[in-house]
Each structure stands twice: as structure tokens, then as C-alpha cells.
Amino acid sequence: MRWLSSSRIAFFLFLIPTILFAGLLLGSDQATHTIEEYLKTAPIEEYARFYFSQSIEHWGEGDYNTARQYIDLAFEKPMYPMDIPKLWYFTAKMDIETGNVSDAIQNLEKVIFLEPDRTEILILLRSLRSLREMASLKKPGFRIGLFFRNLRIRKIHRVFL
């Protein structure tokens, strides 16, 4: 058992995580490369989905400006008809969180036009309209986006996406 000396064990304990970490780094580069290759040969509607996923990722990190830029890029590309309500809904969600209630209501109305049987959207629309009326009666500094964020309304939103 001379080959199991403490220096060799220490070396292998250092070498194995290093190799695994290098593999992870190479894998992430390969994943990026794979996405780019896929988009080159995929239907053009996949670009909208890619930008939509990038928007969700940046929104989750709290980077609303970049998320908005990616969602705008998604709307510039042709998209699958089944994805349109999801993009409008996500845009409304960002509008709610940034306090643009009028835009959020308009976007949710577009979702209802395309999918009239979405009960949670109807409830959210009714709530937003009521809160907008309350805000106009109360103090002018009342921000509906902050109100919803504090209520953790995101749970309802995740059901749709």
C-alpha cells in the first residue's frame, strides 16, 4: 500500500475536482455553441422562444430593463400562435412589477381575447382594475406593482407559464 501515500491522496483530491470543474466549464461553452447551432437550423419561431427564455431569466434576476429588451426582441420575430398569450402575459407581469398598471391591463386584455377561458387572468384583471380605482381615490404615490410584489402574486403567475 505504498502507492496510497498522503501526498498522492492529496494530489488526487485536488485533481478530481479540478477535472470536474474544467468539464463543467467546457460543457457550458458547448451548451452555448449548441444553442447557436440549433437556432441556425431551427424554424424562425424558435428565436422568439429563445428571447422569451432570456427575458424570463433576466426577470428572475431582477434585471427588468434587460428582460424588457429581450421580450421586445421576441415580439419582433415570428412566433408560434400558442406562445403569443404567454408572451403577453409575461409582459403584463413585468408591467405590474414596474408599476405600469394601464399597460398591464391592456396586455391582460389581449391574453383574454386570445384565451377567453383563463379564469385566473379574469380575476387578476378585476383585481388590477379595482386597485387602480383605489389608487386614484387614495394618495397619488400608491404603487400597485409594489403592492402585488408584497402579496407574492407571482404564485398565480407561475401557473400560467
Foldseek 3Di string as FASTA:
>chain_A
DVCPDPVNVVVVVVVVVVVVVVVVVVVVVVVVVVVVVCCVPDPQQVQLVVLQVVLVVCVVVVNNVSSVVSLVVSVVTDHDPVCQLVSLQVVLLSCLLVQVLVSSLVSLVVSCVSPVVPVLSVVVNVVSVVVVVVCVVDPVVDGRNVVCVVVVCVVSVVVVD
